[in-house]
Amino acid sequence: MDEQSPVLDLCLHLSVLSLMAVGGGLVMMAPDISYFVVTEKHWVTSAQFASAYAIAQAAPGPNLLFISLVGWLIAGWTGAILTTLAVVVPSTILTLSVISLKTSHFNTRLTGAVRDTFAPISIGFLLATACLFAQLDSASWRADMIMLLTAAIVLCSKLNPVILIAAGAGAGMLRLI
């Protein structure tokens, strides 16, 4: 793509990513999109990307809303609409095709192998997302400690994550982090 159309370049990139977003698009896409729009293309800053991600996570609705916000930061409403479509349309077509195939071949070795293959991939992308946000420029040692404490609480308890999100927001509002 030429440099005059960053939204088309981003849409092409997102369309390819959306076809690989099995097991949670957010986990897979966040590290790659961050690298693409922040590090490689310099269309947004890491702080803008992190803010878009945080707003999307706090808002009700699909987790992939951050892609619409990144598109909006790059090209306004046109960018928001086109990036959203670039993520939704290819993956929807793929999903409907796989569902159709799976219903006709429900218990084959191939479907079992595909299912077993995507679990470790999803875990790897989840860890990559965590590393991405742990390395933000604006993070302090207090923020790092809160992140580690939150991860430990999520892993070791059944506490509702919304409570932890609210606690993190409260710590930010009180300027503790």
N, C-alpha and C. Protein backbone atom coordinates (compact mmCIF):
# COMPACT_ATOMS: atom_id res chain seq x y z
N MET A 1 0.84 -1.19 0.00
CA MET A 1 0.00 0.00 0.00
C MET A 1 0.88 1.24 0.00
N ASP A 2 0.38 2.31 -0.59
CA ASP A 2 1.19 3.50 -0.57
C ASP A 2 0.98 4.24 0.73
N GLU A 3 1.92 5.11 1.03
CA GLU A 3 1.92 5.80 2.32
C GLU A 3 0.78 6.81 2.44
N GLN A 4 0.10 7.14 1.34
CA GLN A 4 -0.99 8.10 1.37
C GLN A 4 -2.27 7.51 1.95
N SER A 5 -2.36 6.20 2.07
CA SER A 5 -3.59 5.59 2.57
C SER A 5 -3.31 4.65 3.74
N PRO A 6 -3.00 5.21 4.91
CA PRO A 6 -2.69 4.34 6.05
C PRO A 6 -3.88 3.48 6.47
N VAL A 7 -5.10 3.98 6.32
CA VAL A 7 -6.25 3.19 6.75
C VAL A 7 -6.41 1.95 5.88
N LEU A 8 -6.12 2.06 4.58
CA LEU A 8 -6.21 0.88 3.72
C LEU A 8 -5.11 -0.12 4.05
N ASP A 9 -3.93 0.38 4.35
CA ASP A 9 -2.82 -0.47 4.78
C ASP A 9 -3.19 -1.20 6.06
N LEU A 10 -3.75 -0.48 7.01
CA LEU A 10 -4.18 -1.09 8.28
C LEU A 10 -5.30 -2.10 8.05
N CYS A 11 -6.26 -1.77 7.19
CA CYS A 11 -7.37 -2.69 6.92
C CYS A 11 -6.88 -4.00 6.30
N LEU A 12 -5.94 -3.92 5.40
CA LEU A 12 -5.38 -5.14 4.82
C LEU A 12 -4.69 -5.97 5.89
N HIS A 13 -3.92 -5.32 6.72
CA HIS A 13 -3.23 -6.00 7.82
C HIS A 13 -4.25 -6.66 8.77
N LEU A 14 -5.30 -5.92 9.12
CA LEU A 14 -6.32 -6.45 10.03
C LEU A 14 -7.09 -7.60 9.41
N SER A 15 -7.36 -7.52 8.12
CA SER A 15 -8.10 -8.60 7.45
C SER A 15 -7.34 -9.91 7.53
N VAL A 16 -6.04 -9.85 7.33
CA VAL A 16 -5.22 -11.07 7.43
C VAL A 16 -5.21 -11.56 8.87
N LEU A 17 -5.02 -10.64 9.82
CA LEU A 17 -5.01 -11.03 11.23
C LEU A 17 -6.33 -11.65 11.66
N SER A 18 -7.42 -11.10 11.18
CA SER A 18 -8.73 -11.60 11.61
C SER A 18 -8.94 -13.05 11.21
N LEU A 19 -8.29 -13.47 10.15
CA LEU A 19 -8.41 -14.87 9.71
C LEU A 19 -7.65 -15.81 10.63
N MET A 20 -6.71 -15.27 11.40
CA MET A 20 -5.91 -16.09 12.32
C MET A 20 -6.36 -15.93 13.76
N ALA A 21 -7.37 -15.13 14.02
CA ALA A 21 -7.78 -14.79 15.38
C ALA A 21 -8.67 -15.88 15.97
N VAL A 22 -8.12 -17.05 16.09
CA VAL A 22 -8.86 -18.17 16.67
C VAL A 22 -8.51 -18.24 18.15
N GLY A 23 -9.52 -18.38 18.98
CA GLY A 23 -9.27 -18.48 20.42
C GLY A 23 -9.25 -17.12 21.09
N GLY A 24 -9.70 -16.13 20.41
CA GLY A 24 -9.78 -14.80 21.00
C GLY A 24 -9.00 -13.80 20.19
N GLY A 25 -9.68 -13.03 19.42
CA GLY A 25 -9.04 -12.06 18.55
C GLY A 25 -8.27 -11.01 19.31
N LEU A 26 -8.79 -10.60 20.43
CA LEU A 26 -8.14 -9.56 21.21
C LEU A 26 -6.74 -9.96 21.62
N VAL A 27 -6.60 -11.16 22.10
CA VAL A 27 -5.31 -11.66 22.59
C VAL A 27 -4.31 -11.75 21.45
N MET A 28 -4.76 -12.21 20.30
CA MET A 28 -3.86 -12.37 19.18
C MET A 28 -3.52 -11.04 18.53
N MET A 29 -4.50 -10.18 18.44
CA MET A 29 -4.32 -8.98 17.65
C MET A 29 -3.60 -7.84 18.38
N ALA A 30 -3.79 -7.71 19.66
CA ALA A 30 -3.23 -6.56 20.38
C ALA A 30 -1.72 -6.42 20.20
N PRO A 31 -0.92 -7.46 20.41
CA PRO A 31 0.53 -7.27 20.25
C PRO A 31 0.92 -6.93 18.81
N ASP A 32 0.31 -7.60 17.86
CA ASP A 32 0.66 -7.37 16.47
C ASP A 32 0.22 -5.99 16.00
N ILE A 33 -0.99 -5.60 16.34
CA ILE A 33 -1.48 -4.29 15.93
C ILE A 33 -0.67 -3.19 16.60
N SER A 34 -0.32 -3.37 17.85
CA SER A 34 0.51 -2.39 18.54
C SER A 34 1.83 -2.23 17.81
N TYR A 35 2.47 -3.33 17.48
CA TYR A 35 3.74 -3.25 16.76
C TYR A 35 3.54 -2.54 15.42
N PHE A 36 2.49 -2.91 14.70
CA PHE A 36 2.25 -2.37 13.36
C PHE A 36 1.98 -0.87 13.39
N VAL A 37 1.05 -0.42 14.25
CA VAL A 37 0.64 1.00 14.22
C VAL A 37 1.54 1.90 15.05
N VAL A 38 2.19 1.36 16.09
CA VAL A 38 3.04 2.19 16.95
C VAL A 38 4.50 2.13 16.51
N THR A 39 5.06 0.94 16.47
CA THR A 39 6.49 0.78 16.22
C THR A 39 6.86 0.89 14.74
N GLU A 40 6.12 0.15 13.91
CA GLU A 40 6.49 0.09 12.49
C GLU A 40 6.03 1.33 11.71
N LYS A 41 4.78 1.72 11.87
CA LYS A 41 4.23 2.81 11.05
C LYS A 41 4.22 4.17 11.75
N HIS A 42 4.30 4.20 13.06
CA HIS A 42 4.29 5.45 13.84
C HIS A 42 3.01 6.27 13.61
N TRP A 43 1.88 5.61 13.44
CA TRP A 43 0.61 6.30 13.22
C TRP A 43 0.01 6.79 14.53
N VAL A 44 0.25 6.04 15.62
CA VAL A 44 -0.21 6.44 16.95
C VAL A 44 0.93 6.19 17.94
N THR A 45 0.84 6.81 19.09
CA THR A 45 1.86 6.60 20.12
C THR A 45 1.47 5.39 20.97
N SER A 46 2.41 4.90 21.74
CA SER A 46 2.10 3.76 22.62
C SER A 46 1.07 4.18 23.67
N ALA A 47 1.11 5.43 24.11
CA ALA A 47 0.11 5.91 25.08
C ALA A 47 -1.27 5.97 24.44
N GLN A 48 -1.37 6.41 23.19
CA GLN A 48 -2.67 6.44 22.51
C GLN A 48 -3.20 5.02 22.33
N PHE A 49 -2.32 4.10 21.95
CA PHE A 49 -2.75 2.72 21.76
C PHE A 49 -3.24 2.13 23.08
N ALA A 50 -2.47 2.34 24.14
CA ALA A 50 -2.86 1.81 25.46
C ALA A 50 -4.17 2.42 25.92
N SER A 51 -4.37 3.70 25.65
CA SER A 51 -5.63 4.36 26.04
C SER A 51 -6.81 3.77 25.26
N ALA A 52 -6.63 3.57 23.96
CA ALA A 52 -7.69 2.97 23.15
C ALA A 52 -8.03 1.58 23.65
N TYR A 53 -7.00 0.82 23.99
CA TYR A 53 -7.20 -0.53 24.51
C TYR A 53 -7.95 -0.49 25.84
N ALA A 54 -7.52 0.40 26.73
CA ALA A 54 -8.16 0.49 28.05
C ALA A 54 -9.61 0.94 27.94
N ILE A 55 -9.89 1.91 27.09
CA ILE A 55 -11.27 2.38 26.90
C ILE A 55 -12.14 1.25 26.37
N ALA A 56 -11.62 0.51 25.40
CA ALA A 56 -12.39 -0.60 24.82
C ALA A 56 -12.66 -1.69 25.85
N GLN A 57 -11.72 -1.94 26.74
CA GLN A 57 -11.92 -2.96 27.76
C GLN A 57 -12.91 -2.51 28.82
N ALA A 58 -12.93 -1.22 29.10
CA ALA A 58 -13.84 -0.71 30.12
C ALA A 58 -15.26 -0.56 29.59
N ALA A 59 -15.40 -0.37 28.30
CA ALA A 59 -16.73 -0.17 27.70
C ALA A 59 -17.44 -1.50 27.51
N PRO A 60 -18.75 -1.48 27.63
CA PRO A 60 -19.49 -2.72 27.33
C PRO A 60 -19.44 -3.00 25.84
N GLY A 61 -19.52 -4.24 25.50
CA GLY A 61 -19.51 -4.61 24.09
C GLY A 61 -18.32 -5.48 23.75
N PRO A 62 -18.10 -5.65 22.47
CA PRO A 62 -17.02 -6.54 22.03
C PRO A 62 -15.64 -6.05 22.46
N ASN A 63 -14.77 -6.98 22.77
CA ASN A 63 -13.40 -6.64 23.18
C ASN A 63 -12.59 -6.03 22.05
N LEU A 64 -12.95 -6.32 20.82
CA LEU A 64 -12.19 -5.81 19.69
C LEU A 64 -12.51 -4.36 19.36
N LEU A 65 -13.26 -3.69 20.22
CA LEU A 65 -13.60 -2.29 20.00
C LEU A 65 -12.35 -1.42 19.90
N PHE A 66 -11.25 -1.84 20.50
CA PHE A 66 -10.04 -1.02 20.44
C PHE A 66 -9.56 -0.84 19.00
N ILE A 67 -9.86 -1.78 18.13
CA ILE A 67 -9.45 -1.66 16.73
C ILE A 67 -10.19 -0.50 16.07
N SER A 68 -11.46 -0.35 16.40
CA SER A 68 -12.24 0.77 15.87
C SER A 68 -11.65 2.09 16.38
N LEU A 69 -11.25 2.12 17.64
CA LEU A 69 -10.66 3.34 18.20
C LEU A 69 -9.32 3.66 17.56
N VAL A 70 -8.51 2.65 17.29
CA VAL A 70 -7.24 2.88 16.61
C VAL A 70 -7.50 3.40 15.20
N GLY A 71 -8.47 2.80 14.51
CA GLY A 71 -8.84 3.29 13.18
C GLY A 71 -9.30 4.73 13.23
N TRP A 72 -10.06 5.08 14.26
CA TRP A 72 -10.54 6.45 14.43
C TRP A 72 -9.37 7.41 14.67
N LEU A 73 -8.40 6.99 15.48
CA LEU A 73 -7.22 7.83 15.73
C LEU A 73 -6.44 8.09 14.44
N ILE A 74 -6.42 7.12 13.56
CA ILE A 74 -5.63 7.24 12.33
C ILE A 74 -6.39 8.01 11.24
N ALA A 75 -7.70 7.74 11.09
CA ALA A 75 -8.43 8.32 9.95
C ALA A 75 -9.86 8.73 10.28
N GLY A 76 -10.14 9.06 11.51
CA GLY A 76 -11.48 9.53 11.87
C GLY A 76 -12.54 8.45 11.71
N TRP A 77 -13.76 8.89 11.43
CA TRP A 77 -14.89 7.96 11.33
C TRP A 77 -14.69 6.94 10.21
N THR A 78 -14.13 7.36 9.11
CA THR A 78 -13.87 6.43 8.01
C THR A 78 -12.93 5.32 8.48
N GLY A 79 -11.89 5.69 9.19
CA GLY A 79 -10.96 4.70 9.71
C GLY A 79 -11.61 3.75 10.69
N ALA A 80 -12.48 4.29 11.56
CA ALA A 80 -13.17 3.45 12.54
C ALA A 80 -14.06 2.42 11.85
N ILE A 81 -14.82 2.87 10.87
CA ILE A 81 -15.75 1.97 10.18
C ILE A 81 -14.99 0.93 9.36
N LEU A 82 -14.00 1.37 8.60
CA LEU A 82 -13.27 0.44 7.73
C LEU A 82 -12.46 -0.58 8.53
N THR A 83 -11.83 -0.16 9.61
CA THR A 83 -11.05 -1.12 10.41
C THR A 83 -11.96 -2.13 11.10
N THR A 84 -13.12 -1.67 11.54
CA THR A 84 -14.08 -2.59 12.15
C THR A 84 -14.53 -3.64 11.13
N LEU A 85 -14.87 -3.20 9.94
CA LEU A 85 -15.28 -4.14 8.89
C LEU A 85 -14.13 -5.07 8.50
N ALA A 86 -12.91 -4.56 8.48
CA ALA A 86 -11.75 -5.38 8.12
C ALA A 86 -11.53 -6.51 9.11
N VAL A 87 -11.93 -6.30 10.35
CA VAL A 87 -11.78 -7.35 11.36
C VAL A 87 -12.97 -8.30 11.36
N VAL A 88 -14.15 -7.76 11.20
CA VAL A 88 -15.37 -8.55 11.35
C VAL A 88 -15.68 -9.41 10.12
N VAL A 89 -15.58 -8.86 8.95
CA VAL A 89 -16.05 -9.57 7.75
C VAL A 89 -15.23 -10.83 7.44
N PRO A 90 -13.91 -10.76 7.31
CA PRO A 90 -13.18 -12.00 6.98
C PRO A 90 -13.34 -13.10 8.03
N SER A 91 -13.27 -12.74 9.32
CA SER A 91 -13.39 -13.76 10.36
C SER A 91 -14.80 -14.34 10.41
N THR A 92 -15.80 -13.54 10.12
CA THR A 92 -17.18 -14.04 10.10
C THR A 92 -17.36 -15.04 8.96
N ILE A 93 -16.84 -14.72 7.80
CA ILE A 93 -16.93 -15.64 6.66
C ILE A 93 -16.20 -16.94 6.98
N LEU A 94 -15.01 -16.84 7.56
CA LEU A 94 -14.25 -18.04 7.93
C LEU A 94 -15.00 -18.86 8.98
N THR A 95 -15.55 -18.19 9.99
CA THR A 95 -16.27 -18.89 11.05
C THR A 95 -17.48 -19.63 10.50
N LEU A 96 -18.25 -18.97 9.67
CA LEU A 96 -19.42 -19.62 9.08
C LEU A 96 -19.02 -20.81 8.20
N SER A 97 -17.91 -20.69 7.51
CA SER A 97 -17.42 -21.81 6.69
C SER A 97 -16.99 -22.98 7.56
N VAL A 98 -16.28 -22.69 8.64
CA VAL A 98 -15.81 -23.76 9.53
C VAL A 98 -17.00 -24.43 10.23
N ILE A 99 -17.98 -23.66 10.64
CA ILE A 99 -19.17 -24.24 11.28
C ILE A 99 -19.87 -25.17 10.31
N SER A 100 -19.97 -24.75 9.08
CA SER A 100 -20.60 -25.59 8.06
C SER A 100 -19.82 -26.88 7.86
N LEU A 101 -18.50 -26.78 7.80
CA LEU A 101 -17.65 -27.96 7.64
C LEU A 101 -17.71 -28.85 8.87
N LYS A 102 -17.70 -28.24 10.06
CA LYS A 102 -17.69 -29.02 11.30
C LYS A 102 -18.99 -29.80 11.48
N THR A 103 -20.11 -29.22 11.10
CA THR A 103 -21.37 -29.94 11.26
C THR A 103 -21.43 -31.15 10.34
N SER A 104 -20.74 -31.09 9.22
CA SER A 104 -20.76 -32.25 8.33
C SER A 104 -19.68 -33.28 8.70
N HIS A 105 -18.65 -32.87 9.44
CA HIS A 105 -17.57 -33.79 9.84
C HIS A 105 -17.28 -33.60 11.33
N PHE A 106 -18.27 -33.83 12.19
CA PHE A 106 -18.18 -33.46 13.60
C PHE A 106 -17.06 -34.13 14.37
N ASN A 107 -16.95 -35.43 14.34
CA ASN A 107 -15.99 -36.15 15.19
C ASN A 107 -14.85 -36.77 14.41
N THR A 108 -14.22 -36.02 13.57
CA THR A 108 -13.08 -36.57 12.84
C THR A 108 -11.79 -36.23 13.57
N ARG A 109 -10.73 -36.93 13.21
CA ARG A 109 -9.42 -36.66 13.81
C ARG A 109 -8.94 -35.25 13.47
N LEU A 110 -9.31 -34.78 12.28
CA LEU A 110 -8.86 -33.45 11.86
C LEU A 110 -9.45 -32.37 12.76
N THR A 111 -10.74 -32.44 13.06
CA THR A 111 -11.34 -31.40 13.92
C THR A 111 -10.75 -31.45 15.32
N GLY A 112 -10.45 -32.64 15.82
CA GLY A 112 -9.81 -32.76 17.13
C GLY A 112 -8.40 -32.19 17.12
N ALA A 113 -7.66 -32.45 16.05
CA ALA A 113 -6.29 -31.93 15.94
C ALA A 113 -6.29 -30.41 15.85
N VAL A 114 -7.21 -29.87 15.08
CA VAL A 114 -7.30 -28.41 14.95
C VAL A 114 -7.63 -27.78 16.29
N ARG A 115 -8.59 -28.35 17.01
CA ARG A 115 -8.98 -27.84 18.33
C ARG A 115 -7.80 -27.90 19.30
N ASP A 116 -7.07 -28.99 19.32
CA ASP A 116 -5.94 -29.14 20.23
C ASP A 116 -4.76 -28.25 19.85
N THR A 117 -4.66 -27.88 18.61
CA THR A 117 -3.56 -27.04 18.14
C THR A 117 -3.74 -25.60 18.59
N PHE A 118 -4.96 -25.11 18.61
CA PHE A 118 -5.18 -23.70 18.87
C PHE A 118 -5.09 -23.32 20.35
N ALA A 119 -5.20 -24.26 21.26
CA ALA A 119 -5.11 -23.93 22.69
C ALA A 119 -3.74 -23.36 23.05
N PRO A 120 -2.63 -24.01 22.72
CA PRO A 120 -1.33 -23.41 23.09
C PRO A 120 -1.04 -22.12 22.32
N ILE A 121 -1.54 -21.99 21.11
CA ILE A 121 -1.34 -20.76 20.36
C ILE A 121 -2.04 -19.61 21.07
N SER A 122 -3.25 -19.84 21.53
CA SER A 122 -4.00 -18.80 22.24
C SER A 122 -3.29 -18.40 23.54
N ILE A 123 -2.75 -19.37 24.24
CA ILE A 123 -2.02 -19.07 25.48
C ILE A 123 -0.78 -18.23 25.18
N GLY A 124 -0.07 -18.57 24.12
CA GLY A 124 1.11 -17.80 23.72
C GLY A 124 0.75 -16.36 23.38
N PHE A 125 -0.34 -16.16 22.66
CA PHE A 125 -0.76 -14.80 22.32
C PHE A 125 -1.20 -14.03 23.57
N LEU A 126 -1.81 -14.72 24.52
CA LEU A 126 -2.19 -14.07 25.77
C LEU A 126 -0.96 -13.58 26.52
N LEU A 127 0.08 -14.40 26.57
CA LEU A 127 1.32 -13.99 27.23
C LEU A 127 1.98 -12.83 26.48
N ALA A 128 1.92 -12.84 25.15
CA ALA A 128 2.49 -11.74 24.36
C ALA A 128 1.76 -10.44 24.65
N THR A 129 0.44 -10.50 24.80
CA THR A 129 -0.35 -9.31 25.13
C THR A 129 0.04 -8.78 26.51
N ALA A 130 0.19 -9.68 27.46
CA ALA A 130 0.59 -9.26 28.81
C ALA A 130 1.97 -8.60 28.78
N CYS A 131 2.90 -9.17 28.04
CA CYS A 131 4.25 -8.59 27.94
C CYS A 131 4.21 -7.23 27.27
N LEU A 132 3.37 -7.09 26.26
CA LEU A 132 3.24 -5.82 25.55
C LEU A 132 2.83 -4.71 26.51
N PHE A 133 1.81 -4.94 27.30
CA PHE A 133 1.31 -3.90 28.18
C PHE A 133 2.18 -3.73 29.42
N ALA A 134 2.98 -4.74 29.74
CA ALA A 134 3.91 -4.60 30.86
C ALA A 134 5.09 -3.71 30.49
N GLN A 135 5.34 -3.54 29.20
CA GLN A 135 6.49 -2.77 28.75
C GLN A 135 6.16 -1.33 28.35
N LEU A 136 4.96 -0.87 28.62
CA LEU A 136 4.59 0.50 28.23
C LEU A 136 5.52 1.52 28.88
N ASP A 137 5.79 2.57 28.15
CA ASP A 137 6.69 3.62 28.64
C ASP A 137 6.19 4.27 29.92
N SER A 138 4.88 4.39 30.07
CA SER A 138 4.34 5.12 31.22
C SER A 138 4.23 4.27 32.48
N ALA A 139 4.59 3.00 32.40
CA ALA A 139 4.46 2.13 33.57
C ALA A 139 5.53 2.46 34.62
N SER A 140 5.12 2.44 35.87
CA SER A 140 6.04 2.67 36.98
C SER A 140 6.21 1.36 37.74
N TRP A 141 7.07 1.36 38.70
CA TRP A 141 7.25 0.14 39.50
C TRP A 141 5.97 -0.17 40.26
N ARG A 142 5.22 0.86 40.66
CA ARG A 142 3.95 0.62 41.36
C ARG A 142 2.95 -0.06 40.43
N ALA A 143 2.91 0.42 39.20
CA ALA A 143 2.00 -0.19 38.22
C ALA A 143 2.39 -1.64 37.95
N ASP A 144 3.69 -1.90 37.88
CA ASP A 144 4.17 -3.27 37.68
C ASP A 144 3.76 -4.16 38.85
N MET A 145 3.88 -3.65 40.06
CA MET A 145 3.50 -4.44 41.23
C MET A 145 1.99 -4.72 41.24
N ILE A 146 1.20 -3.72 40.88
CA ILE A 146 -0.25 -3.92 40.83
C ILE A 146 -0.60 -4.93 39.76
N MET A 147 0.09 -4.88 38.62
CA MET A 147 -0.16 -5.84 37.55
C MET A 147 0.15 -7.26 38.02
N LEU A 148 1.28 -7.45 38.67
CA LEU A 148 1.66 -8.78 39.16
C LEU A 148 0.69 -9.26 40.25
N LEU A 149 0.32 -8.37 41.14
CA LEU A 149 -0.64 -8.73 42.19
C LEU A 149 -1.99 -9.11 41.59
N THR A 150 -2.43 -8.35 40.61
CA THR A 150 -3.71 -8.64 39.95
C THR A 150 -3.66 -9.99 39.25
N ALA A 151 -2.56 -10.26 38.54
CA ALA A 151 -2.41 -11.56 37.87
C ALA A 151 -2.45 -12.70 38.88
N ALA A 152 -1.77 -12.53 40.01
CA ALA A 152 -1.76 -13.58 41.03
C ALA A 152 -3.16 -13.80 41.60
N ILE A 153 -3.88 -12.71 41.85
CA ILE A 153 -5.24 -12.84 42.39
C ILE A 153 -6.15 -13.55 41.39
N VAL A 154 -6.05 -13.19 40.12
CA VAL A 154 -6.88 -13.83 39.09
C VAL A 154 -6.57 -15.32 39.00
N LEU A 155 -5.28 -15.67 39.07
CA LEU A 155 -4.88 -17.07 38.95
C LEU A 155 -5.24 -17.90 40.18
N CYS A 156 -5.21 -17.28 41.36
CA CYS A 156 -5.35 -18.05 42.60
C CYS A 156 -6.70 -17.91 43.29
N SER A 157 -7.59 -17.12 42.75
CA SER A 157 -8.87 -16.96 43.42
C SER A 157 -10.01 -16.92 42.41
N LYS A 158 -11.20 -16.85 42.92
CA LYS A 158 -12.38 -16.75 42.07
C LYS A 158 -12.99 -15.36 42.16
N LEU A 159 -12.18 -14.39 42.57
CA LEU A 159 -12.64 -13.01 42.69
C LEU A 159 -13.01 -12.48 41.31
N ASN A 160 -14.12 -11.79 41.23
CA ASN A 160 -14.59 -11.23 39.97
C ASN A 160 -13.57 -10.21 39.46
N PRO A 161 -13.09 -10.36 38.21
CA PRO A 161 -12.10 -9.42 37.67
C PRO A 161 -12.59 -7.97 37.61
N VAL A 162 -13.89 -7.76 37.58
CA VAL A 162 -14.43 -6.40 37.55
C VAL A 162 -14.03 -5.65 38.82
N ILE A 163 -13.95 -6.36 39.92
CA ILE A 163 -13.52 -5.73 41.18
C ILE A 163 -12.07 -5.28 41.06
N LEU A 164 -11.25 -6.10 40.43
CA LEU A 164 -9.84 -5.74 40.25
C LEU A 164 -9.69 -4.57 39.28
N ILE A 165 -10.50 -4.54 38.25
CA ILE A 165 -10.47 -3.42 37.30
C ILE A 165 -10.85 -2.13 38.03
N ALA A 166 -11.90 -2.21 38.86
CA ALA A 166 -12.32 -1.03 39.62
C ALA A 166 -11.23 -0.58 40.59
N ALA A 167 -10.57 -1.54 41.22
CA ALA A 167 -9.48 -1.19 42.14
C ALA A 167 -8.33 -0.52 41.39
N GLY A 168 -8.00 -1.01 40.21
CA GLY A 168 -6.96 -0.39 39.40
C GLY A 168 -7.34 1.01 38.96
N ALA A 169 -8.61 1.18 38.58
CA ALA A 169 -9.08 2.52 38.21
C ALA A 169 -9.01 3.46 39.41
N GLY A 170 -9.39 2.96 40.58
CA GLY A 170 -9.33 3.77 41.79
C GLY A 170 -7.89 4.16 42.13
N ALA A 171 -6.97 3.22 41.97
CA ALA A 171 -5.56 3.53 42.23
C ALA A 171 -5.04 4.59 41.25
N GLY A 172 -5.49 4.52 40.03
CA GLY A 172 -5.10 5.53 39.04
C GLY A 172 -5.68 6.89 39.36
N MET A 173 -6.95 6.92 39.77
CA MET A 173 -7.58 8.20 40.10
C MET A 173 -6.94 8.84 41.33
N LEU A 174 -6.48 8.01 42.26
CA LEU A 174 -5.80 8.52 43.44
C LEU A 174 -4.33 8.79 43.19
N ARG A 175 -3.90 8.57 41.94
CA ARG A 175 -2.51 8.79 41.52
C ARG A 175 -1.52 7.92 42.30
N LEU A 176 -1.97 6.73 42.69
CA LEU A 176 -1.07 5.78 43.33
C LEU A 176 -0.20 5.08 42.30
N ILE A 177 -0.69 5.06 41.07
CA ILE A 177 0.09 4.49 39.97
C ILE A 177 0.16 5.47 38.83
